[in-house]
């Protein structure tokens, strides 16, 4: 039998239009500076920054409020070394045999290859897992709704929160990613969704000279 919904008053601060515009401009400008970084410094990162970013990600909307995500934060050098070796093995196979020429051509401007030193170099690696289904204490499965979309929204908030905190990130999706659940000892209902190295960029870090689409190219007003 479904539980009766319980409601409470919304906590909402109505801002002046001037303050709304100021905040939106600051946020848009800051987010426009976000880049995918592959050259990381070994300088330590305060754990509180990671915790706060995950708190923000955990506030994301989700199907039926089931919050079907797990954030595994890895800082242990031995684990990161193991993850890198497994990721590079899969990526080498992909670059040399699995990827089509069209795909390889699309990646050329980014200068990527199968080598993934950032997994070891970054002080933290956050592996986000999608819970394909839930589990009760007695082992009963609980169907999850819109888990892919829900986790995608949470990852977006996570990246924004980390960038807003002054940290660099990279989204990495080695394919297949089953090895991450095995290395990190995750339960059978969890599927690796994305691997995110987090830290400060190296002093000599470089990024591809690319641009984003203009607003007029990505929005339609009706």
N, C-alpha and C. Protein backbone atom coordinates (compact mmCIF):
# COMPACT_ATOMS: atom_id res chain seq x y z
N UNK A 1 0.85 -1.19 0.00
CA UNK A 1 0.00 0.00 0.00
C UNK A 1 0.88 1.25 0.00
N UNK A 2 0.60 2.17 -0.89
CA UNK A 2 1.40 3.39 -1.00
C UNK A 2 1.20 4.28 0.21
N UNK A 3 2.30 4.94 0.64
CA UNK A 3 2.22 5.85 1.78
C UNK A 3 1.57 7.17 1.35
N UNK A 4 0.89 7.82 2.28
CA UNK A 4 0.28 9.11 2.01
C UNK A 4 1.35 10.19 1.97
N UNK A 5 1.30 11.06 0.96
CA UNK A 5 2.29 12.11 0.82
C UNK A 5 2.17 13.12 1.95
N UNK A 6 3.32 13.56 2.46
CA UNK A 6 3.38 14.58 3.49
C UNK A 6 4.06 15.81 2.90
N UNK A 7 3.47 16.97 3.08
CA UNK A 7 4.02 18.19 2.51
C UNK A 7 4.47 19.16 3.59
N UNK A 8 5.36 20.05 3.22
CA UNK A 8 5.81 21.11 4.11
C UNK A 8 5.95 22.38 3.30
N UNK A 9 6.04 23.50 3.97
CA UNK A 9 6.16 24.78 3.29
C UNK A 9 7.51 24.88 2.57
N UNK A 10 7.48 25.44 1.36
CA UNK A 10 8.69 25.65 0.58
C UNK A 10 9.52 26.78 1.17
N UNK A 11 10.81 26.54 1.30
CA UNK A 11 11.74 27.60 1.69
C UNK A 11 12.29 28.22 0.41
N UNK A 12 11.92 29.46 0.13
CA UNK A 12 12.31 30.09 -1.12
C UNK A 12 12.54 31.57 -0.88
N UNK A 13 13.71 32.04 -1.31
CA UNK A 13 14.03 33.46 -1.17
C UNK A 13 13.77 34.17 -2.49
N UNK A 14 12.83 35.09 -2.49
CA UNK A 14 12.54 35.87 -3.69
C UNK A 14 13.55 37.02 -3.78
N UNK A 15 14.35 37.01 -4.83
CA UNK A 15 15.39 38.01 -5.02
C UNK A 15 14.88 39.16 -5.86
N UNK A 16 15.53 40.29 -5.71
CA UNK A 16 15.22 41.40 -6.61
C UNK A 16 15.69 41.04 -8.01
N UNK A 17 15.10 41.65 -9.01
CA UNK A 17 15.50 41.34 -10.38
C UNK A 17 16.96 41.69 -10.62
N UNK A 18 17.42 42.76 -10.00
CA UNK A 18 18.83 43.15 -10.15
C UNK A 18 19.75 42.08 -9.59
N UNK A 19 19.40 41.52 -8.44
CA UNK A 19 20.23 40.49 -7.84
C UNK A 19 20.16 39.19 -8.63
N UNK A 20 18.99 38.89 -9.16
CA UNK A 20 18.87 37.71 -10.02
C UNK A 20 19.80 37.82 -11.22
N UNK A 21 19.78 38.97 -11.88
CA UNK A 21 20.63 39.16 -13.06
C UNK A 21 22.11 39.11 -12.69
N UNK A 22 22.45 39.70 -11.56
CA UNK A 22 23.85 39.69 -11.13
C UNK A 22 24.33 38.25 -10.91
N UNK A 23 23.53 37.48 -10.17
CA UNK A 23 23.91 36.10 -9.89
C UNK A 23 24.00 35.27 -11.17
N UNK A 24 23.04 35.47 -12.06
CA UNK A 24 23.03 34.67 -13.29
C UNK A 24 24.23 34.98 -14.16
N UNK A 25 24.63 36.26 -14.21
CA UNK A 25 25.80 36.64 -15.00
C UNK A 25 27.08 36.06 -14.40
N UNK A 26 27.21 36.16 -13.08
CA UNK A 26 28.40 35.63 -12.42
C UNK A 26 28.52 34.13 -12.64
N UNK A 27 27.39 33.43 -12.47
CA UNK A 27 27.41 31.97 -12.61
C UNK A 27 27.72 31.57 -14.05
N UNK A 28 27.06 32.21 -15.01
CA UNK A 28 27.30 31.88 -16.42
C UNK A 28 28.75 32.14 -16.81
N UNK A 29 29.29 33.26 -16.35
CA UNK A 29 30.68 33.59 -16.67
C UNK A 29 31.66 32.58 -16.05
N UNK A 30 31.37 32.19 -14.81
CA UNK A 30 32.25 31.23 -14.14
C UNK A 30 32.15 29.86 -14.80
N UNK A 31 30.97 29.43 -15.14
CA UNK A 31 30.82 28.11 -15.77
C UNK A 31 31.44 28.08 -17.16
N UNK A 32 31.44 29.22 -17.85
CA UNK A 32 32.04 29.28 -19.18
C UNK A 32 33.54 29.06 -19.13
N UNK A 33 34.13 29.21 -17.95
CA UNK A 33 35.57 29.00 -17.79
C UNK A 33 35.92 27.54 -17.49
N UNK A 34 34.91 26.72 -17.27
CA UNK A 34 35.17 25.31 -16.96
C UNK A 34 35.76 24.61 -18.17
N UNK A 35 36.80 23.83 -17.96
CA UNK A 35 37.41 23.05 -19.03
C UNK A 35 37.71 21.64 -18.53
N UNK A 36 37.73 20.70 -19.44
CA UNK A 36 38.15 19.34 -19.10
C UNK A 36 39.67 19.33 -19.03
N UNK A 37 40.19 18.97 -17.88
CA UNK A 37 41.63 19.04 -17.61
C UNK A 37 42.21 17.63 -17.55
N UNK A 38 43.34 17.44 -18.22
CA UNK A 38 44.02 16.14 -18.20
C UNK A 38 45.39 16.20 -17.54
N UNK A 39 45.83 17.41 -17.18
CA UNK A 39 47.12 17.57 -16.53
C UNK A 39 46.88 18.09 -15.11
N UNK A 40 47.07 17.21 -14.12
CA UNK A 40 46.75 17.55 -12.75
C UNK A 40 47.99 17.72 -11.89
N UNK A 41 47.89 18.62 -10.93
CA UNK A 41 48.91 18.78 -9.90
C UNK A 41 48.68 17.73 -8.81
N UNK A 42 49.75 17.38 -8.12
CA UNK A 42 49.61 16.45 -6.99
C UNK A 42 49.29 17.18 -5.69
N UNK A 43 49.14 18.50 -5.75
CA UNK A 43 48.83 19.27 -4.54
C UNK A 43 47.55 18.75 -3.89
N UNK A 44 47.56 18.61 -2.57
CA UNK A 44 46.37 18.07 -1.89
C UNK A 44 45.16 19.01 -1.99
N UNK A 45 44.00 18.41 -1.95
CA UNK A 45 42.73 19.15 -2.00
C UNK A 45 41.99 18.93 -0.68
N UNK A 46 41.50 19.98 -0.05
CA UNK A 46 40.73 19.80 1.19
C UNK A 46 39.55 18.86 0.99
N UNK A 47 39.45 17.86 1.84
CA UNK A 47 38.36 16.88 1.71
C UNK A 47 36.98 17.56 1.79
N UNK A 48 36.89 18.64 2.56
CA UNK A 48 35.60 19.32 2.71
C UNK A 48 35.06 19.81 1.37
N UNK A 49 35.95 20.19 0.45
CA UNK A 49 35.49 20.64 -0.87
C UNK A 49 34.79 19.51 -1.61
N UNK A 50 35.34 18.32 -1.50
CA UNK A 50 34.73 17.16 -2.16
C UNK A 50 33.40 16.82 -1.50
N UNK A 51 33.39 16.85 -0.18
CA UNK A 51 32.15 16.54 0.54
C UNK A 51 31.04 17.53 0.19
N UNK A 52 31.37 18.81 0.15
CA UNK A 52 30.35 19.81 -0.15
C UNK A 52 29.82 19.67 -1.57
N UNK A 53 30.72 19.35 -2.51
CA UNK A 53 30.28 19.16 -3.90
C UNK A 53 29.35 17.96 -4.02
N UNK A 54 29.64 16.91 -3.28
CA UNK A 54 28.78 15.72 -3.33
C UNK A 54 27.45 16.00 -2.65
N UNK A 55 27.47 16.81 -1.59
CA UNK A 55 26.19 17.23 -0.98
C UNK A 55 25.32 17.94 -2.01
N UNK A 56 25.95 18.83 -2.79
CA UNK A 56 25.20 19.55 -3.82
C UNK A 56 24.65 18.58 -4.86
N UNK A 57 25.50 17.63 -5.29
CA UNK A 57 25.06 16.64 -6.29
C UNK A 57 23.92 15.79 -5.75
N UNK A 58 24.00 15.47 -4.47
CA UNK A 58 22.97 14.64 -3.85
C UNK A 58 21.64 15.34 -3.69
N UNK A 59 21.61 16.66 -3.92
CA UNK A 59 20.35 17.40 -3.86
C UNK A 59 19.62 17.40 -5.20
N UNK A 60 20.18 16.76 -6.20
CA UNK A 60 19.59 16.76 -7.54
C UNK A 60 18.21 16.10 -7.53
N UNK A 61 17.32 16.53 -8.43
CA UNK A 61 16.03 15.85 -8.55
C UNK A 61 16.25 14.45 -9.13
N UNK A 62 15.37 13.54 -8.77
CA UNK A 62 15.49 12.17 -9.28
C UNK A 62 14.11 11.55 -9.40
N UNK A 63 14.00 10.56 -10.27
CA UNK A 63 12.73 9.88 -10.48
C UNK A 63 12.19 9.30 -9.17
N UNK A 64 10.98 9.71 -8.79
CA UNK A 64 10.32 9.25 -7.56
C UNK A 64 11.18 9.52 -6.32
N UNK A 65 12.09 10.49 -6.42
CA UNK A 65 13.01 10.84 -5.32
C UNK A 65 13.77 9.63 -4.80
N UNK A 66 14.14 8.71 -5.69
CA UNK A 66 14.83 7.50 -5.26
C UNK A 66 16.34 7.69 -5.14
N UNK A 67 16.85 8.82 -5.68
CA UNK A 67 18.28 9.16 -5.51
C UNK A 67 19.18 7.96 -5.84
N UNK A 68 19.13 7.49 -7.09
CA UNK A 68 19.79 6.24 -7.44
C UNK A 68 21.27 6.38 -7.76
N UNK A 69 22.01 6.98 -6.85
CA UNK A 69 23.42 7.22 -7.12
C UNK A 69 24.29 6.87 -5.91
N UNK A 70 25.53 6.53 -6.21
CA UNK A 70 26.56 6.34 -5.19
C UNK A 70 27.82 7.01 -5.70
N UNK A 71 28.44 7.83 -4.86
CA UNK A 71 29.67 8.53 -5.22
C UNK A 71 30.82 7.88 -4.46
N UNK A 72 31.68 7.19 -5.17
CA UNK A 72 32.83 6.53 -4.54
C UNK A 72 34.05 7.43 -4.74
N UNK A 73 34.60 7.93 -3.64
CA UNK A 73 35.72 8.86 -3.70
C UNK A 73 37.01 8.08 -3.44
N UNK A 74 37.89 8.08 -4.41
CA UNK A 74 39.12 7.29 -4.32
C UNK A 74 40.32 8.22 -4.20
N UNK A 75 41.10 8.02 -3.14
CA UNK A 75 42.35 8.76 -2.97
C UNK A 75 43.53 7.83 -2.74
N UNK A 76 43.25 6.56 -2.49
CA UNK A 76 44.31 5.58 -2.22
C UNK A 76 45.16 5.37 -3.48
N UNK A 77 46.47 5.62 -3.40
CA UNK A 77 47.33 5.49 -4.60
C UNK A 77 47.30 4.11 -5.23
N UNK A 78 47.23 3.07 -4.41
CA UNK A 78 47.22 1.72 -4.97
C UNK A 78 45.95 1.46 -5.77
N UNK A 79 44.83 1.94 -5.27
CA UNK A 79 43.57 1.77 -6.00
C UNK A 79 43.58 2.58 -7.29
N UNK A 80 44.08 3.81 -7.22
CA UNK A 80 44.13 4.64 -8.43
C UNK A 80 45.05 4.00 -9.48
N UNK A 81 46.15 3.42 -9.04
CA UNK A 81 47.06 2.75 -9.98
C UNK A 81 46.36 1.57 -10.65
N UNK A 82 45.61 0.81 -9.86
CA UNK A 82 44.87 -0.33 -10.40
C UNK A 82 43.80 0.12 -11.38
N UNK A 83 43.09 1.18 -11.04
CA UNK A 83 42.05 1.73 -11.93
C UNK A 83 42.67 2.23 -13.23
N UNK A 84 43.81 2.89 -13.13
CA UNK A 84 44.45 3.40 -14.35
C UNK A 84 44.85 2.26 -15.26
N UNK A 85 45.46 1.22 -14.70
CA UNK A 85 45.91 0.08 -15.52
C UNK A 85 44.73 -0.56 -16.24
N UNK A 86 43.62 -0.74 -15.52
CA UNK A 86 42.44 -1.36 -16.13
C UNK A 86 41.81 -0.45 -17.18
N UNK A 87 41.75 0.85 -16.88
CA UNK A 87 41.17 1.80 -17.83
C UNK A 87 42.00 1.87 -19.10
N UNK A 88 43.31 1.91 -18.95
CA UNK A 88 44.18 2.01 -20.13
C UNK A 88 44.10 0.74 -20.98
N UNK A 89 43.93 -0.39 -20.34
CA UNK A 89 43.79 -1.64 -21.12
C UNK A 89 42.54 -1.58 -21.99
N UNK A 90 41.43 -1.12 -21.41
CA UNK A 90 40.19 -1.01 -22.18
C UNK A 90 40.29 0.06 -23.25
N UNK A 91 40.89 1.20 -22.90
CA UNK A 91 41.00 2.30 -23.84
C UNK A 91 41.94 1.96 -25.00
N UNK A 92 43.02 1.25 -24.72
CA UNK A 92 43.95 0.85 -25.78
C UNK A 92 43.24 -0.05 -26.79
N UNK A 93 42.43 -0.97 -26.25
CA UNK A 93 41.66 -1.85 -27.12
C UNK A 93 40.66 -1.05 -27.96
N UNK A 94 40.05 -0.04 -27.33
CA UNK A 94 39.07 0.78 -28.04
C UNK A 94 39.72 1.60 -29.15
N UNK A 95 40.82 2.29 -28.81
CA UNK A 95 41.48 3.14 -29.80
C UNK A 95 42.06 2.32 -30.96
N UNK A 96 42.51 1.12 -30.67
CA UNK A 96 43.18 0.33 -31.71
C UNK A 96 42.24 -0.59 -32.47
N UNK A 97 41.08 -0.96 -31.88
CA UNK A 97 40.23 -1.95 -32.54
C UNK A 97 38.74 -1.63 -32.54
N UNK A 98 38.22 -1.03 -31.47
CA UNK A 98 36.77 -0.88 -31.35
C UNK A 98 36.23 0.37 -32.02
N UNK A 99 36.97 1.47 -31.96
CA UNK A 99 36.45 2.74 -32.45
C UNK A 99 36.49 2.80 -33.97
N UNK A 100 35.44 3.39 -34.54
CA UNK A 100 35.42 3.60 -35.98
C UNK A 100 36.36 4.75 -36.34
N UNK A 101 36.74 4.83 -37.61
CA UNK A 101 37.59 5.93 -38.04
C UNK A 101 36.89 7.27 -37.86
N UNK A 102 35.57 7.28 -38.04
CA UNK A 102 34.80 8.50 -37.86
C UNK A 102 34.91 9.01 -36.42
N UNK A 103 34.83 8.08 -35.48
CA UNK A 103 34.96 8.42 -34.06
C UNK A 103 36.36 8.94 -33.76
N UNK A 104 37.36 8.25 -34.26
CA UNK A 104 38.74 8.69 -34.04
C UNK A 104 38.99 10.07 -34.63
N UNK A 105 38.40 10.32 -35.79
CA UNK A 105 38.56 11.64 -36.42
C UNK A 105 37.91 12.73 -35.56
N UNK A 106 36.77 12.40 -34.93
CA UNK A 106 36.08 13.38 -34.09
C UNK A 106 36.90 13.71 -32.84
N UNK A 107 37.71 12.76 -32.38
CA UNK A 107 38.52 12.97 -31.18
C UNK A 107 39.84 13.68 -31.48
N UNK A 108 40.24 13.70 -32.74
CA UNK A 108 41.56 14.26 -33.10
C UNK A 108 41.78 15.68 -32.58
N UNK A 109 40.80 16.61 -32.69
CA UNK A 109 41.04 17.97 -32.19
C UNK A 109 41.27 18.04 -30.68
N UNK A 110 40.88 16.98 -29.96
CA UNK A 110 41.04 16.98 -28.51
C UNK A 110 42.39 16.40 -28.08
N UNK A 111 43.07 15.74 -28.99
CA UNK A 111 44.39 15.22 -28.69
C UNK A 111 44.41 14.10 -27.67
N UNK A 112 43.35 13.33 -27.57
CA UNK A 112 43.31 12.25 -26.59
C UNK A 112 43.85 10.95 -27.17
N UNK A 113 44.28 10.06 -26.28
CA UNK A 113 44.66 8.71 -26.68
C UNK A 113 44.34 7.78 -25.52
N UNK A 114 44.86 6.56 -25.56
CA UNK A 114 44.49 5.57 -24.54
C UNK A 114 45.22 5.77 -23.22
N UNK A 115 46.20 6.61 -23.17
CA UNK A 115 46.97 6.82 -21.94
C UNK A 115 46.18 7.73 -20.98
N UNK A 116 46.06 7.34 -19.72
CA UNK A 116 45.23 8.06 -18.74
C UNK A 116 46.00 8.33 -17.44
N UNK A 117 47.10 9.09 -17.51
CA UNK A 117 47.86 9.37 -16.28
C UNK A 117 47.07 10.17 -15.25
N UNK A 118 46.06 10.92 -15.71
CA UNK A 118 45.29 11.74 -14.78
C UNK A 118 44.61 10.93 -13.68
N UNK A 119 44.35 9.66 -13.93
CA UNK A 119 43.71 8.84 -12.91
C UNK A 119 44.60 8.70 -11.68
N UNK A 120 45.91 8.63 -11.91
CA UNK A 120 46.85 8.55 -10.80
C UNK A 120 47.28 9.92 -10.30
N UNK A 121 47.39 10.88 -11.21
CA UNK A 121 47.93 12.19 -10.83
C UNK A 121 46.98 13.00 -9.96
N UNK A 122 45.68 12.96 -10.27
CA UNK A 122 44.71 13.76 -9.51
C UNK A 122 44.61 13.22 -8.08
N UNK A 123 44.55 14.10 -7.09
CA UNK A 123 44.48 13.62 -5.70
C UNK A 123 43.22 12.83 -5.40
N UNK A 124 42.13 13.14 -6.08
CA UNK A 124 40.88 12.39 -5.90
C UNK A 124 40.35 11.94 -7.25
N UNK A 125 39.73 10.79 -7.24
CA UNK A 125 38.94 10.33 -8.39
C UNK A 125 37.56 9.96 -7.84
N UNK A 126 36.53 10.62 -8.36
CA UNK A 126 35.17 10.30 -7.95
C UNK A 126 34.56 9.40 -9.02
N UNK A 127 34.17 8.21 -8.63
CA UNK A 127 33.49 7.30 -9.55
C UNK A 127 32.01 7.32 -9.18
N UNK A 128 31.20 7.76 -10.12
CA UNK A 128 29.76 7.85 -9.88
C UNK A 128 29.11 6.56 -10.39
N UNK A 129 28.36 5.92 -9.52
CA UNK A 129 27.65 4.70 -9.88
C UNK A 129 26.15 4.95 -9.93
N UNK A 130 25.51 4.37 -10.92
CA UNK A 130 24.05 4.40 -11.04
C UNK A 130 23.49 3.13 -10.43
N UNK A 131 22.55 3.31 -9.54
CA UNK A 131 21.87 2.16 -8.94
C UNK A 131 20.75 1.72 -9.88
N UNK A 132 20.97 0.64 -10.60
CA UNK A 132 19.99 0.16 -11.57
C UNK A 132 18.68 -0.22 -10.90
N UNK A 133 18.76 -0.66 -9.67
CA UNK A 133 17.58 -0.96 -8.87
C UNK A 133 18.00 -0.83 -7.40
N UNK A 134 17.00 -0.64 -6.54
CA UNK A 134 17.29 -0.52 -5.12
C UNK A 134 17.20 -1.87 -4.43
N UNK A 135 17.68 -1.92 -3.20
CA UNK A 135 17.64 -3.16 -2.42
C UNK A 135 17.15 -2.84 -1.01
N UNK A 136 16.20 -3.62 -0.53
CA UNK A 136 15.75 -3.48 0.85
C UNK A 136 16.72 -4.24 1.76
N UNK A 137 16.56 -4.04 3.06
CA UNK A 137 17.44 -4.71 4.03
C UNK A 137 17.32 -6.23 3.94
N UNK A 138 16.15 -6.72 3.53
CA UNK A 138 15.96 -8.17 3.44
C UNK A 138 16.24 -8.71 2.04
N UNK A 139 16.86 -7.88 1.18
CA UNK A 139 17.28 -8.37 -0.13
C UNK A 139 16.26 -8.26 -1.23
N UNK A 140 15.16 -7.57 -1.00
CA UNK A 140 14.13 -7.42 -2.03
C UNK A 140 14.49 -6.28 -2.98
N UNK A 141 14.29 -6.49 -4.27
CA UNK A 141 14.59 -5.46 -5.27
C UNK A 141 13.51 -4.38 -5.31
N UNK A 142 13.94 -3.14 -5.50
CA UNK A 142 13.03 -2.02 -5.66
C UNK A 142 13.27 -1.40 -7.04
N UNK A 143 12.23 -1.31 -7.84
CA UNK A 143 12.37 -0.75 -9.18
C UNK A 143 12.74 0.72 -9.09
N UNK A 144 13.72 1.13 -9.90
CA UNK A 144 14.09 2.54 -9.97
C UNK A 144 13.58 3.14 -11.28
N UNK A 145 13.15 4.40 -11.19
CA UNK A 145 12.57 5.08 -12.34
C UNK A 145 13.50 6.20 -12.81
N UNK A 146 13.74 6.24 -14.12
CA UNK A 146 14.56 7.29 -14.72
C UNK A 146 15.93 7.42 -14.06
N UNK A 147 16.55 6.28 -13.79
CA UNK A 147 17.84 6.33 -13.09
C UNK A 147 18.94 6.96 -13.94
N UNK A 148 18.93 6.71 -15.24
CA UNK A 148 19.95 7.29 -16.12
C UNK A 148 19.85 8.82 -16.11
N UNK A 149 18.64 9.32 -16.31
CA UNK A 149 18.44 10.77 -16.33
C UNK A 149 18.78 11.39 -14.97
N UNK A 150 18.38 10.71 -13.91
CA UNK A 150 18.61 11.24 -12.56
C UNK A 150 20.10 11.37 -12.26
N UNK A 151 20.85 10.33 -12.58
CA UNK A 151 22.29 10.36 -12.31
C UNK A 151 22.98 11.39 -13.20
N UNK A 152 22.51 11.53 -14.44
CA UNK A 152 23.08 12.54 -15.33
C UNK A 152 22.93 13.94 -14.76
N UNK A 153 21.75 14.24 -14.20
CA UNK A 153 21.53 15.55 -13.59
C UNK A 153 22.44 15.74 -12.39
N UNK A 154 22.59 14.70 -11.56
CA UNK A 154 23.46 14.78 -10.38
C UNK A 154 24.90 15.02 -10.77
N UNK A 155 25.36 14.38 -11.83
CA UNK A 155 26.73 14.58 -12.29
C UNK A 155 26.93 16.02 -12.76
N UNK A 156 25.93 16.58 -13.44
CA UNK A 156 26.03 17.97 -13.86
C UNK A 156 26.20 18.90 -12.68
N UNK A 157 25.40 18.68 -11.63
CA UNK A 157 25.53 19.50 -10.42
C UNK A 157 26.89 19.29 -9.77
N UNK A 158 27.38 18.06 -9.77
CA UNK A 158 28.68 17.77 -9.17
C UNK A 158 29.80 18.53 -9.88
N UNK A 159 29.79 18.50 -11.21
CA UNK A 159 30.82 19.20 -11.97
C UNK A 159 30.75 20.71 -11.73
N UNK A 160 29.53 21.25 -11.69
CA UNK A 160 29.37 22.68 -11.45
C UNK A 160 29.87 23.06 -10.05
N UNK A 161 29.54 22.23 -9.06
CA UNK A 161 29.95 22.52 -7.68
C UNK A 161 31.47 22.45 -7.54
N UNK A 162 32.09 21.47 -8.16
CA UNK A 162 33.55 21.34 -8.08
C UNK A 162 34.23 22.52 -8.76
N UNK A 163 33.72 22.91 -9.92
CA UNK A 163 34.30 24.05 -10.63
C UNK A 163 34.10 25.33 -9.84
N UNK A 164 32.92 25.53 -9.29
CA UNK A 164 32.63 26.73 -8.49
C UNK A 164 33.56 26.80 -7.28
N UNK A 165 34.00 25.64 -6.79
CA UNK A 165 34.89 25.59 -5.63
C UNK A 165 36.35 25.82 -6.00
N UNK A 166 36.63 26.00 -7.29
CA UNK A 166 38.00 26.26 -7.71
C UNK A 166 38.81 25.02 -8.02
N UNK A 167 38.13 23.94 -8.39
CA UNK A 167 38.81 22.69 -8.71
C UNK A 167 38.63 22.35 -10.19
N UNK A 168 39.57 21.58 -10.70
CA UNK A 168 39.53 21.13 -12.09
C UNK A 168 39.02 19.70 -12.14
N UNK A 169 38.35 19.35 -13.23
CA UNK A 169 37.77 18.02 -13.37
C UNK A 169 37.92 17.51 -14.79
N UNK A 170 37.66 16.24 -14.94
CA UNK A 170 37.60 15.60 -16.25
C UNK A 170 36.54 14.50 -16.18
N UNK A 171 35.68 14.43 -17.17
CA UNK A 171 34.73 13.31 -17.24
C UNK A 171 35.33 12.23 -18.13
N UNK A 172 35.43 11.04 -17.59
CA UNK A 172 36.06 9.94 -18.30
C UNK A 172 35.14 8.73 -18.24
N UNK A 173 34.82 8.17 -19.40
CA UNK A 173 33.94 7.01 -19.46
C UNK A 173 34.59 5.89 -20.26
N UNK A 174 35.59 5.22 -19.67
CA UNK A 174 36.18 4.08 -20.37
C UNK A 174 35.11 3.04 -20.65
N UNK A 175 35.21 2.41 -21.79
CA UNK A 175 34.16 1.45 -22.17
C UNK A 175 34.78 0.11 -22.55
N UNK A 176 34.30 -0.96 -21.91
CA UNK A 176 33.29 -1.03 -20.85
C UNK A 176 33.88 -0.62 -19.49
N UNK A 177 33.00 -0.36 -18.51
CA UNK A 177 33.45 0.13 -17.20
C UNK A 177 33.20 -0.86 -16.06
N UNK A 178 32.91 -2.08 -16.40
CA UNK A 178 32.61 -3.07 -15.36
C UNK A 178 33.75 -3.22 -14.37
N UNK A 179 34.97 -3.01 -14.82
CA UNK A 179 36.14 -3.19 -13.96
C UNK A 179 36.10 -2.27 -12.73
N UNK A 180 35.43 -1.13 -12.85
CA UNK A 180 35.38 -0.19 -11.72
C UNK A 180 34.59 -0.77 -10.55
N UNK A 181 33.48 -1.42 -10.84
CA UNK A 181 32.69 -2.05 -9.78
C UNK A 181 33.49 -3.17 -9.12
N UNK A 182 34.26 -3.89 -9.93
CA UNK A 182 35.06 -5.00 -9.39
C UNK A 182 36.18 -4.48 -8.50
N UNK A 183 36.91 -3.48 -8.98
CA UNK A 183 38.04 -2.94 -8.21
C UNK A 183 37.56 -2.29 -6.92
N UNK A 184 36.42 -1.59 -6.98
CA UNK A 184 35.94 -0.84 -5.84
C UNK A 184 34.95 -1.62 -4.97
N UNK A 185 34.69 -2.86 -5.35
CA UNK A 185 33.86 -3.73 -4.52
C UNK A 185 32.42 -3.27 -4.38
N UNK A 186 31.84 -2.81 -5.47
CA UNK A 186 30.46 -2.32 -5.43
C UNK A 186 29.45 -3.46 -5.58
N UNK A 187 28.25 -3.30 -5.05
CA UNK A 187 27.23 -4.35 -5.13
C UNK A 187 26.70 -4.54 -6.55
N UNK A 188 25.97 -5.64 -6.73
CA UNK A 188 25.51 -6.03 -8.06
C UNK A 188 24.53 -5.05 -8.69
N UNK A 189 23.87 -4.23 -7.88
CA UNK A 189 22.87 -3.32 -8.44
C UNK A 189 23.47 -2.01 -8.93
N UNK A 190 24.78 -1.82 -8.79
CA UNK A 190 25.42 -0.56 -9.18
C UNK A 190 26.17 -0.70 -10.49
N UNK A 191 26.03 0.29 -11.35
CA UNK A 191 26.70 0.33 -12.64
C UNK A 191 27.55 1.61 -12.72
N UNK A 192 28.81 1.49 -13.06
CA UNK A 192 29.65 2.67 -13.19
C UNK A 192 29.09 3.59 -14.27
N UNK A 193 28.97 4.86 -13.95
CA UNK A 193 28.38 5.85 -14.86
C UNK A 193 29.45 6.78 -15.43
N UNK A 194 30.35 7.27 -14.59
CA UNK A 194 31.42 8.15 -15.05
C UNK A 194 32.52 8.17 -13.99
N UNK A 195 33.74 8.39 -14.46
CA UNK A 195 34.91 8.50 -13.59
C UNK A 195 35.42 9.94 -13.71
N UNK A 196 35.58 10.62 -12.56
CA UNK A 196 35.91 12.05 -12.57
C UNK A 196 37.17 12.33 -11.74
N UNK A 197 38.33 12.47 -12.37
CA UNK A 197 39.50 12.95 -11.63
C UNK A 197 39.26 14.39 -11.18
N UNK A 198 39.69 14.70 -9.95
CA UNK A 198 39.46 16.03 -9.37
C UNK A 198 40.73 16.53 -8.69
N UNK A 199 41.06 17.78 -8.94
CA UNK A 199 42.20 18.37 -8.26
C UNK A 199 42.50 19.75 -8.81
N UNK A 200 43.72 20.21 -8.58
CA UNK A 200 44.17 21.47 -9.16
C UNK A 200 44.91 21.17 -10.46
N UNK A 201 44.78 22.02 -11.46
CA UNK A 201 45.53 21.78 -12.70
C UNK A 201 47.03 21.94 -12.47
N UNK A 202 47.81 21.21 -13.23
CA UNK A 202 49.26 21.36 -13.18
C UNK A 202 49.63 22.76 -13.66
N UNK A 203 50.76 23.26 -13.19
CA UNK A 203 51.18 24.62 -13.57
C UNK A 203 51.30 24.78 -15.08
N UNK A 204 51.68 23.70 -15.76
CA UNK A 204 51.85 23.76 -17.21
C UNK A 204 50.70 23.10 -17.95
N UNK A 205 49.55 22.98 -17.30
CA UNK A 205 48.40 22.32 -17.92
C UNK A 205 47.96 23.05 -19.19
N UNK A 206 47.64 22.27 -20.21
CA UNK A 206 47.12 22.82 -21.45
C UNK A 206 45.79 22.15 -21.78
N UNK A 207 44.95 22.87 -22.50
CA UNK A 207 43.66 22.33 -22.94
C UNK A 207 43.50 22.63 -24.42
N UNK A 208 42.71 21.83 -25.12
CA UNK A 208 42.51 22.08 -26.55
C UNK A 208 41.90 23.45 -26.81
N UNK A 209 42.31 24.07 -27.89
CA UNK A 209 41.77 25.38 -28.28
C UNK A 209 40.46 25.16 -29.02
N UNK A 210 39.40 24.97 -28.25
CA UNK A 210 38.08 24.71 -28.83
C UNK A 210 37.12 25.80 -28.36
N UNK A 211 35.94 25.83 -28.94
CA UNK A 211 34.94 26.82 -28.55
C UNK A 211 33.60 26.12 -28.35
N UNK A 212 32.70 26.80 -27.66
CA UNK A 212 31.35 26.29 -27.46
C UNK A 212 30.40 26.97 -28.44
N UNK A 213 29.31 26.34 -28.71
CA UNK A 213 28.31 26.93 -29.61
C UNK A 213 27.75 28.21 -29.00
N UNK A 214 27.42 29.15 -29.85
CA UNK A 214 26.81 30.40 -29.40
C UNK A 214 25.38 30.14 -28.92
N UNK A 215 24.88 31.02 -28.09
CA UNK A 215 23.53 30.88 -27.54
C UNK A 215 22.51 30.69 -28.65
N UNK A 216 22.67 31.44 -29.74
CA UNK A 216 21.70 31.38 -30.85
C UNK A 216 21.67 29.99 -31.49
N UNK A 217 22.72 29.22 -31.32
CA UNK A 217 22.80 27.89 -31.92
C UNK A 217 22.20 26.81 -31.06
N UNK A 218 21.95 27.09 -29.80
CA UNK A 218 21.50 26.04 -28.89
C UNK A 218 20.14 26.32 -28.24
N UNK A 219 19.53 27.47 -28.56
CA UNK A 219 18.24 27.78 -27.96
C UNK A 219 17.22 28.12 -29.03
N UNK A 220 15.99 27.75 -28.78
CA UNK A 220 14.88 28.10 -29.67
C UNK A 220 13.79 28.73 -28.81
N UNK A 221 13.41 29.95 -29.15
CA UNK A 221 12.37 30.66 -28.40
C UNK A 221 11.05 30.52 -29.17
N UNK A 222 9.99 30.19 -28.49
CA UNK A 222 8.68 30.04 -29.12
C UNK A 222 7.61 30.78 -28.31
